[in-house]
Amino acid sequence: MQQGVLKGMLMFAILLAAVILGSLIGDFSRTIGGIEWLGKTFDIGISTFDINLKVFVITLGFQIHVTVSEIIMILVGILCYPKVSKTLFG
């Protein structure tokens, strides 16, 4: 495989791990006083709407639920990526 593809896969893996870890931190922090703000959820997107074409109906919509801890962990992942990439690929 080319090194660029491997670097892209590494970036995807780091961001995926950051989102999962951020989600777990957000879920657990909602019940702990003082850091419950890490679990605050923001909804971004458009609600569903239908396109009726008589033969079939298309329903479109897009929603993302993001917590503060996920945003923080994504930023940490982006900041850590260059060092991890340099360590692995030289």
PDB file of N, CA and C in Angstrom:
ATOM      1  N   MET A   1       0.844  -1.192   0.000  1.00  0.00           N
ATOM      2  CA  MET A   1       0.000   0.000   0.000  1.00  0.00           C
ATOM      3  C   MET A   1       0.880   1.243   0.000  1.00  0.00           C
ATOM      4  N   GLN A   2       0.340   2.276  -0.572  1.00  0.00           N
ATOM      5  CA  GLN A   2       1.083   3.521  -0.587  1.00  0.00           C
ATOM      6  C   GLN A   2       1.045   4.165   0.786  1.00  0.00           C
ATOM      7  N   GLN A   3       2.070   4.923   1.077  1.00  0.00           N
ATOM      8  CA  GLN A   3       2.181   5.548   2.390  1.00  0.00           C
ATOM      9  C   GLN A   3       1.055   6.553   2.633  1.00  0.00           C
ATOM     10  N   GLY A   4       0.596   7.224   1.595  1.00  0.00           N
ATOM     11  CA  GLY A   4      -0.493   8.192   1.746  1.00  0.00           C
ATOM     12  C   GLY A   4      -1.792   7.537   2.172  1.00  0.00           C
ATOM     13  N   VAL A   5      -2.057   6.352   1.625  1.00  0.00           N
ATOM     14  CA  VAL A   5      -3.273   5.620   1.994  1.00  0.00           C
ATOM     15  C   VAL A   5      -3.193   5.191   3.451  1.00  0.00           C
ATOM     16  N   LEU A   6      -2.010   4.708   3.855  1.00  0.00           N
ATOM     17  CA  LEU A   6      -1.835   4.293   5.246  1.00  0.00           C
ATOM     18  C   LEU A   6      -1.979   5.465   6.209  1.00  0.00           C
ATOM     19  N   LYS A   7      -1.469   6.622   5.816  1.00  0.00           N
ATOM     20  CA  LYS A   7      -1.621   7.814   6.662  1.00  0.00           C
ATOM     21  C   LYS A   7      -3.086   8.227   6.772  1.00  0.00           C
ATOM     22  N   GLY A   8      -3.822   8.104   5.674  1.00  0.00           N
ATOM     23  CA  GLY A   8      -5.253   8.407   5.707  1.00  0.00           C
ATOM     24  C   GLY A   8      -6.013   7.451   6.608  1.00  0.00           C
ATOM     25  N   MET A   9      -5.654   6.180   6.536  1.00  0.00           N
ATOM     26  CA  MET A   9      -6.297   5.188   7.404  1.00  0.00           C
ATOM     27  C   MET A   9      -5.951   5.433   8.860  1.00  0.00           C
ATOM     28  N   LEU A  10      -4.716   5.852   9.131  1.00  0.00           N
ATOM     29  CA  LEU A  10      -4.307   6.185  10.492  1.00  0.00           C
ATOM     30  C   LEU A  10      -5.113   7.369  11.017  1.00  0.00           C
ATOM     31  N   MET A  11      -5.273   8.396  10.199  1.00  0.00           N
ATOM     32  CA  MET A  11      -6.049   9.571  10.611  1.00  0.00           C
ATOM     33  C   MET A  11      -7.494   9.185  10.905  1.00  0.00           C
ATOM     34  N   PHE A  12      -8.080   8.352  10.038  1.00  0.00           N
ATOM     35  CA  PHE A  12      -9.445   7.888  10.256  1.00  0.00           C
ATOM     36  C   PHE A  12      -9.544   7.099  11.557  1.00  0.00           C
ATOM     37  N   ALA A  13      -8.584   6.219  11.821  1.00  0.00           N
ATOM     38  CA  ALA A  13      -8.604   5.410  13.042  1.00  0.00           C
ATOM     39  C   ALA A  13      -8.470   6.283  14.292  1.00  0.00           C
ATOM     40  N   ILE A  14      -7.598   7.280  14.235  1.00  0.00           N
ATOM     41  CA  ILE A  14      -7.424   8.179  15.381  1.00  0.00           C
ATOM     42  C   ILE A  14      -8.701   8.970  15.641  1.00  0.00           C
ATOM     43  N   LEU A  15      -9.323   9.495  14.578  1.00  0.00           N
ATOM     44  CA  LEU A  15     -10.553  10.269  14.760  1.00  0.00           C
ATOM     45  C   LEU A  15     -11.704   9.389  15.242  1.00  0.00           C
ATOM     46  N   LEU A  16     -11.782   8.160  14.737  1.00  0.00           N
ATOM     47  CA  LEU A  16     -12.816   7.242  15.198  1.00  0.00           C
ATOM     48  C   LEU A  16     -12.637   6.915  16.677  1.00  0.00           C
ATOM     49  N   ALA A  17     -11.395   6.652  17.085  1.00  0.00           N
ATOM     50  CA  ALA A  17     -11.121   6.378  18.494  1.00  0.00           C
ATOM     51  C   ALA A  17     -11.442   7.603  19.353  1.00  0.00           C
ATOM     52  N   ALA A  18     -11.142   8.797  18.849  1.00  0.00           N
ATOM     53  CA  ALA A  18     -11.420  10.026  19.590  1.00  0.00           C
ATOM     54  C   ALA A  18     -12.916  10.223  19.787  1.00  0.00           C
ATOM     55  N   VAL A  19     -13.706   9.951  18.765  1.00  0.00           N
ATOM     56  CA  VAL A  19     -15.161  10.108  18.871  1.00  0.00           C
ATOM     57  C   VAL A  19     -15.736   9.094  19.858  1.00  0.00           C
ATOM     58  N   ILE A  20     -15.274   7.848  19.774  1.00  0.00           N
ATOM     59  CA  ILE A  20     -15.785   6.825  20.689  1.00  0.00           C
ATOM     60  C   ILE A  20     -15.405   7.145  22.125  1.00  0.00           C
ATOM     61  N   LEU A  21     -14.146   7.499  22.352  1.00  0.00           N
ATOM     62  CA  LEU A  21     -13.700   7.846  23.704  1.00  0.00           C
ATOM     63  C   LEU A  21     -14.409   9.094  24.217  1.00  0.00           C
ATOM     64  N   GLY A  22     -14.575  10.089  23.364  1.00  0.00           N
ATOM     65  CA  GLY A  22     -15.290  11.303  23.753  1.00  0.00           C
ATOM     66  C   GLY A  22     -16.740  11.036  24.103  1.00  0.00           C
ATOM     67  N   SER A  23     -17.363  10.129  23.369  1.00  0.00           N
ATOM     68  CA  SER A  23     -18.746   9.759  23.656  1.00  0.00           C
ATOM     69  C   SER A  23     -18.857   9.065  25.011  1.00  0.00           C
ATOM     70  N   LEU A  24     -17.935   8.160  25.287  1.00  0.00           N
ATOM     71  CA  LEU A  24     -17.941   7.483  26.590  1.00  0.00           C
ATOM     72  C   LEU A  24     -17.716   8.467  27.733  1.00  0.00           C
ATOM     73  N   ILE A  25     -16.767   9.363  27.558  1.00  0.00           N
ATOM     74  CA  ILE A  25     -16.500  10.375  28.589  1.00  0.00           C
ATOM     75  C   ILE A  25     -17.734  11.246  28.800  1.00  0.00           C
ATOM     76  N   GLY A  26     -18.385  11.643  27.701  1.00  0.00           N
ATOM     77  CA  GLY A  26     -19.580  12.464  27.803  1.00  0.00           C
ATOM     78  C   GLY A  26     -20.715  11.760  28.520  1.00  0.00           C
ATOM     79  N   ASP A  27     -20.906  10.471  28.229  1.00  0.00           N
ATOM     80  CA  ASP A  27     -21.970   9.711  28.891  1.00  0.00           C
ATOM     81  C   ASP A  27     -21.720   9.586  30.390  1.00  0.00           C
ATOM     82  N   PHE A  28     -20.499   9.276  30.774  1.00  0.00           N
ATOM     83  CA  PHE A  28     -20.191   9.094  32.189  1.00  0.00           C
ATOM     84  C   PHE A  28     -20.139  10.418  32.955  1.00  0.00           C
ATOM     85  N   SER A  29     -19.759  11.503  32.288  1.00  0.00           N
ATOM     86  CA  SER A  29     -19.615  12.773  32.993  1.00  0.00           C
ATOM     87  C   SER A  29     -20.952  13.441  33.302  1.00  0.00           C
ATOM     88  N   ARG A  30     -22.023  13.013  32.657  1.00  0.00           N
ATOM     89  CA  ARG A  30     -23.342  13.621  32.916  1.00  0.00           C
ATOM     90  C   ARG A  30     -23.809  13.427  34.342  1.00  0.00           C
ATOM     91  N   THR A  31     -23.328  12.381  35.002  1.00  0.00           N
ATOM     92  CA  THR A  31     -23.781  12.082  36.365  1.00  0.00           C
ATOM     93  C   THR A  31     -22.812  12.585  37.432  1.00  0.00           C
ATOM     94  N   ILE A  32     -21.700  13.153  37.029  1.00  0.00           N
ATOM     95  CA  ILE A  32     -20.682  13.606  37.982  1.00  0.00           C
ATOM     96  C   ILE A  32     -20.752  15.124  38.094  1.00  0.00           C
ATOM     97  N   GLY A  33     -20.957  15.609  39.301  1.00  0.00           N
ATOM     98  CA  GLY A  33     -21.056  17.044  39.530  1.00  0.00           C
ATOM     99  C   GLY A  33     -19.743  17.749  39.212  1.00  0.00           C
ATOM    100  N   GLY A  34     -19.830  18.898  38.621  1.00  0.00           N
ATOM    101  CA  GLY A  34     -18.661  19.701  38.301  1.00  0.00           C
ATOM    102  C   GLY A  34     -18.159  19.516  36.880  1.00  0.00           C
ATOM    103  N   ILE A  35     -18.335  18.325  36.311  1.00  0.00           N
ATOM    104  CA  ILE A  35     -17.904  18.103  34.933  1.00  0.00           C
ATOM    105  C   ILE A  35     -19.059  17.664  34.037  1.00  0.00           C
ATOM    106  N   GLU A  36     -20.276  17.884  34.491  1.00  0.00           N
ATOM    107  CA  GLU A  36     -21.422  17.478  33.681  1.00  0.00           C
ATOM    108  C   GLU A  36     -21.492  18.247  32.365  1.00  0.00           C
ATOM    109  N   TRP A  37     -20.811  19.372  32.265  1.00  0.00           N
ATOM    110  CA  TRP A  37     -20.795  20.157  31.027  1.00  0.00           C
ATOM    111  C   TRP A  37     -20.106  19.398  29.885  1.00  0.00           C
ATOM    112  N   LEU A  38     -19.255  18.418  30.209  1.00  0.00           N
ATOM    113  CA  LEU A  38     -18.619  17.615  29.154  1.00  0.00           C
ATOM    114  C   LEU A  38     -19.639  16.765  28.401  1.00  0.00           C
ATOM    115  N   GLY A  39     -20.751  16.464  29.032  1.00  0.00           N
ATOM    116  CA  GLY A  39     -21.783  15.646  28.414  1.00  0.00           C
ATOM    117  C   GLY A  39     -22.867  16.442  27.710  1.00  0.00           C
ATOM    118  N   LYS A  40     -22.733  17.771  27.662  1.00  0.00           N
ATOM    119  CA  LYS A  40     -23.742  18.596  26.995  1.00  0.00           C
ATOM    120  C   LYS A  40     -23.776  18.252  25.512  1.00  0.00           C
ATOM    121  N   THR A  41     -24.974  17.996  25.019  1.00  0.00           N
ATOM    122  CA  THR A  41     -25.154  17.562  23.638  1.00  0.00           C
ATOM    123  C   THR A  41     -25.675  18.694  22.772  1.00  0.00           C
ATOM    124  N   PHE A  42     -25.116  18.790  21.572  1.00  0.00           N
ATOM    125  CA  PHE A  42     -25.575  19.736  20.564  1.00  0.00           C
ATOM    126  C   PHE A  42     -26.081  18.951  19.366  1.00  0.00           C
ATOM    127  N   ASP A  43     -27.248  19.313  18.869  1.00  0.00           N
ATOM    128  CA  ASP A  43     -27.807  18.669  17.689  1.00  0.00           C
ATOM    129  C   ASP A  43     -27.605  19.584  16.493  1.00  0.00           C
ATOM    130  N   ILE A  44     -26.995  19.036  15.448  1.00  0.00           N
ATOM    131  CA  ILE A  44     -26.712  19.800  14.237  1.00  0.00           C
ATOM    132  C   ILE A  44     -27.329  19.053  13.070  1.00  0.00           C
ATOM    133  N   GLY A  45     -28.001  19.741  12.172  1.00  0.00           N
ATOM    134  CA  GLY A  45     -28.529  19.088  10.987  1.00  0.00           C
ATOM    135  C   GLY A  45     -29.849  19.660  10.539  1.00  0.00           C
ATOM    136  N   ILE A  46     -30.472  18.940   9.619  1.00  0.00           N
ATOM    137  CA  ILE A  46     -31.783  19.338   9.112  1.00  0.00           C
ATOM    138  C   ILE A  46     -32.759  18.203   9.394  1.00  0.00           C
ATOM    139  N   SER A  47     -33.968  18.562   9.732  1.00  0.00           N
ATOM    140  CA  SER A  47     -34.966  17.537  10.021  1.00  0.00           C
ATOM    141  C   SER A  47     -35.411  16.876   8.713  1.00  0.00           C
ATOM    142  N   THR A  48     -36.066  15.744   8.851  1.00  0.00           N
ATOM    143  CA  THR A  48     -36.460  14.983   7.663  1.00  0.00           C
ATOM    144  C   THR A  48     -37.548  15.700   6.871  1.00  0.00           C
ATOM    145  N   PHE A  49     -37.508  15.480   5.573  1.00  0.00           N
ATOM    146  CA  PHE A  49     -38.572  15.980   4.706  1.00  0.00           C
ATOM    147  C   PHE A  49     -38.801  14.954   3.593  1.00  0.00           C
ATOM    148  N   ASP A  50     -39.999  14.952   3.053  1.00  0.00           N
ATOM    149  CA  ASP A  50     -40.386  13.969   2.050  1.00  0.00           C
ATOM    150  C   ASP A  50     -40.478  14.598   0.672  1.00  0.00           C
ATOM    151  N   ILE A  51     -40.077  13.824  -0.337  1.00  0.00           N
ATOM    152  CA  ILE A  51     -40.286  14.182  -1.733  1.00  0.00           C
ATOM    153  C   ILE A  51     -41.197  13.096  -2.310  1.00  0.00           C
ATOM    154  N   ASN A  52     -42.434  13.465  -2.587  1.00  0.00           N
ATOM    155  CA  ASN A  52     -43.431  12.503  -3.077  1.00  0.00           C
ATOM    156  C   ASN A  52     -43.465  12.554  -4.596  1.00  0.00           C
ATOM    157  N   LEU A  53     -43.085  11.438  -5.233  1.00  0.00           N
ATOM    158  CA  LEU A  53     -43.057  11.367  -6.690  1.00  0.00           C
ATOM    159  C   LEU A  53     -44.153  10.458  -7.247  1.00  0.00           C
ATOM    160  N   LYS A  54     -45.222  10.256  -6.487  1.00  0.00           N
ATOM    161  CA  LYS A  54     -46.381   9.435  -6.838  1.00  0.00           C
ATOM    162  C   LYS A  54     -46.040   7.944  -6.916  1.00  0.00           C
ATOM    163  N   VAL A  55     -44.922   7.580  -7.494  1.00  0.00           N
ATOM    164  CA  VAL A  55     -44.535   6.182  -7.597  1.00  0.00           C
ATOM    165  C   VAL A  55     -43.807   5.742  -6.332  1.00  0.00           C
ATOM    166  N   PHE A  56     -42.978   6.623  -5.812  1.00  0.00           N
ATOM    167  CA  PHE A  56     -42.275   6.350  -4.568  1.00  0.00           C
ATOM    168  C   PHE A  56     -42.016   7.661  -3.840  1.00  0.00           C
ATOM    169  N   VAL A  57     -41.721   7.539  -2.560  1.00  0.00           N
ATOM    170  CA  VAL A  57     -41.468   8.701  -1.704  1.00  0.00           C
ATOM    171  C   VAL A  57     -40.024   8.628  -1.216  1.00  0.00           C
ATOM    172  N   ILE A  58     -39.326   9.739  -1.348  1.00  0.00           N
ATOM    173  CA  ILE A  58     -37.954   9.834  -0.855  1.00  0.00           C
ATOM    174  C   ILE A  58     -37.978  10.673   0.419  1.00  0.00           C
ATOM    175  N   THR A  59     -37.388  10.145   1.482  1.00  0.00           N
ATOM    176  CA  THR A  59     -37.284  10.870   2.745  1.00  0.00           C
ATOM    177  C   THR A  59     -35.820  11.203   2.986  1.00  0.00           C
ATOM    178  N   LEU A  60     -35.527  12.472   3.162  1.00  0.00           N
ATOM    179  CA  LEU A  60     -34.162  12.926   3.380  1.00  0.00           C
ATOM    180  C   LEU A  60     -34.049  13.644   4.717  1.00  0.00           C
ATOM    181  N   GLY A  61     -32.910  13.529   5.338  1.00  0.00           N
ATOM    182  CA  GLY A  61     -32.646  14.212   6.593  1.00  0.00           C
ATOM    183  C   GLY A  61     -31.222  13.946   7.042  1.00  0.00           C
ATOM    184  N   PHE A  62     -30.741  14.758   7.944  1.00  0.00           N
ATOM    185  CA  PHE A  62     -29.367  14.632   8.407  1.00  0.00           C
ATOM    186  C   PHE A  62     -29.282  15.191   9.821  1.00  0.00           C
ATOM    187  N   GLN A  63     -28.815  14.400  10.768  1.00  0.00           N
ATOM    188  CA  GLN A  63     -28.676  14.829  12.155  1.00  0.00           C
ATOM    189  C   GLN A  63     -27.352  14.327  12.713  1.00  0.00           C
ATOM    190  N   ILE A  64     -26.666  15.169  13.433  1.00  0.00           N
ATOM    191  CA  ILE A  64     -25.460  14.785  14.167  1.00  0.00           C
ATOM    192  C   ILE A  64     -25.652  15.235  15.610  1.00  0.00           C
ATOM    193  N   HIS A  65     -25.380  14.338  16.533  1.00  0.00           N
ATOM    194  CA  HIS A  65     -25.438  14.658  17.953  1.00  0.00           C
ATOM    195  C   HIS A  65     -23.995  14.676  18.460  1.00  0.00           C
ATOM    196  N   VAL A  66     -23.533  15.844  18.878  1.00  0.00           N
ATOM    197  CA  VAL A  66     -22.139  16.019  19.277  1.00  0.00           C
ATOM    198  C   VAL A  66     -22.094  16.495  20.721  1.00  0.00           C
ATOM    199  N   THR A  67     -21.193  15.884  21.524  1.00  0.00           N
ATOM    200  CA  THR A  67     -20.991  16.342  22.891  1.00  0.00           C
ATOM    201  C   THR A  67     -19.713  17.168  22.967  1.00  0.00           C
ATOM    202  N   VAL A  68     -19.602  17.943  24.022  1.00  0.00           N
ATOM    203  CA  VAL A  68     -18.420  18.771  24.237  1.00  0.00           C
ATOM    204  C   VAL A  68     -17.172  17.895  24.337  1.00  0.00           C
ATOM    205  N   SER A  69     -17.289  16.761  25.034  1.00  0.00           N
ATOM    206  CA  SER A  69     -16.127  15.889  25.186  1.00  0.00           C
ATOM    207  C   SER A  69     -15.692  15.289  23.847  1.00  0.00           C
ATOM    208  N   GLU A  70     -16.612  15.032  22.935  1.00  0.00           N
ATOM    209  CA  GLU A  70     -16.245  14.530  21.613  1.00  0.00           C
ATOM    210  C   GLU A  70     -15.455  15.585  20.844  1.00  0.00           C
ATOM    211  N   ILE A  71     -15.890  16.829  20.916  1.00  0.00           N
ATOM    212  CA  ILE A  71     -15.182  17.917  20.238  1.00  0.00           C
ATOM    213  C   ILE A  71     -13.764  18.048  20.792  1.00  0.00           C
ATOM    214  N   ILE A  72     -13.627  17.987  22.110  1.00  0.00           N
ATOM    215  CA  ILE A  72     -12.305  18.080  22.733  1.00  0.00           C
ATOM    216  C   ILE A  72     -11.417  16.921  22.301  1.00  0.00           C
ATOM    217  N   MET A  73     -11.964  15.706  22.298  1.00  0.00           N
ATOM    218  CA  MET A  73     -11.165  14.541  21.929  1.00  0.00           C
ATOM    219  C   MET A  73     -10.789  14.560  20.442  1.00  0.00           C
ATOM    220  N   ILE A  74     -11.650  15.078  19.579  1.00  0.00           N
ATOM    221  CA  ILE A  74     -11.298  15.218  18.165  1.00  0.00           C
ATOM    222  C   ILE A  74     -10.136  16.188  18.004  1.00  0.00           C
ATOM    223  N   LEU A  75     -10.175  17.296  18.731  1.00  0.00           N
ATOM    224  CA  LEU A  75      -9.060  18.250  18.672  1.00  0.00           C
ATOM    225  C   LEU A  75      -7.765  17.626  19.188  1.00  0.00           C
ATOM    226  N   VAL A  76      -7.852  16.843  20.264  1.00  0.00           N
ATOM    227  CA  VAL A  76      -6.670  16.148  20.792  1.00  0.00           C
ATOM    228  C   VAL A  76      -6.135  15.166  19.747  1.00  0.00           C
ATOM    229  N   GLY A  77      -7.024  14.436  19.087  1.00  0.00           N
ATOM    230  CA  GLY A  77      -6.610  13.494  18.050  1.00  0.00           C
ATOM    231  C   GLY A  77      -5.927  14.180  16.891  1.00  0.00           C
ATOM    232  N   ILE A  78      -6.469  15.314  16.459  1.00  0.00           N
ATOM    233  CA  ILE A  78      -5.856  16.067  15.360  1.00  0.00           C
ATOM    234  C   ILE A  78      -4.479  16.587  15.760  1.00  0.00           C
ATOM    235  N   LEU A  79      -4.346  17.035  17.004  1.00  0.00           N
ATOM    236  CA  LEU A  79      -3.050  17.534  17.465  1.00  0.00           C
ATOM    237  C   LEU A  79      -2.026  16.409  17.652  1.00  0.00           C
ATOM    238  N   CYS A  80      -2.484  15.197  17.989  1.00  0.00           N
ATOM    239  CA  CYS A  80      -1.578  14.056  18.186  1.00  0.00           C
ATOM    240  C   CYS A  80      -1.198  13.369  16.889  1.00  0.00           C
ATOM    241  N   TYR A  81      -2.000  13.528  15.842  1.00  0.00           N
ATOM    242  CA  TYR A  81      -1.759  12.820  14.590  1.00  0.00           C
ATOM    243  C   TYR A  81      -0.370  13.042  14.012  1.00  0.00           C
ATOM    244  N   PRO A  82       0.140  14.268  13.921  1.00  0.00           N
ATOM    245  CA  PRO A  82       1.468  14.436  13.308  1.00  0.00           C
ATOM    246  C   PRO A  82       2.578  13.668  14.043  1.00  0.00           C
ATOM    247  N   LYS A  83       2.530  13.655  15.373  1.00  0.00           N
ATOM    248  CA  LYS A  83       3.557  12.960  16.128  1.00  0.00           C
ATOM    249  C   LYS A  83       3.446  11.442  15.928  1.00  0.00           C
ATOM    250  N   VAL A  84       2.218  10.906  15.958  1.00  0.00           N
ATOM    251  CA  VAL A  84       2.025   9.474  15.748  1.00  0.00           C
ATOM    252  C   VAL A  84       2.436   9.082  14.339  1.00  0.00           C
ATOM    253  N   SER A  85       2.065   9.889  13.365  1.00  0.00           N
ATOM    254  CA  SER A  85       2.407   9.619  11.981  1.00  0.00           C
ATOM    255  C   SER A  85       3.920   9.638  11.769  1.00  0.00           C
ATOM    256  N   LYS A  86       4.584  10.603  12.365  1.00  0.00           N
ATOM    257  CA  LYS A  86       6.042  10.699  12.235  1.00  0.00           C
ATOM    258  C   LYS A  86       6.720   9.507  12.894  1.00  0.00           C
ATOM    259  N   THR A  87       6.181   9.058  14.045  1.00  0.00           N
ATOM    260  CA  THR A  87       6.748   7.907  14.739  1.00  0.00           C
ATOM    261  C   THR A  87       6.593   6.633  13.921  1.00  0.00           C
ATOM    262  N   LEU A  88       5.444   6.450  13.303  1.00  0.00           N
ATOM    263  CA  LEU A  88       5.180   5.226  12.541  1.00  0.00           C
ATOM    264  C   LEU A  88       5.820   5.217  11.168  1.00  0.00           C
ATOM    265  N   PHE A  89       5.809   6.358  10.485  1.00  0.00           N
ATOM    266  CA  PHE A  89       6.253   6.408   9.082  1.00  0.00           C
ATOM    267  C   PHE A  89       7.580   7.112   8.873  1.00  0.00           C
ATOM    268  N   GLY A  90       8.125   7.693   9.928  1.00  0.00           N
ATOM    269  CA  GLY A  90       9.441   8.314   9.813  1.00  0.00           C
ATOM    270  C   GLY A  90       9.492   9.628   9.177  1.00  0.00           C
TER     271      GLY A  90
END
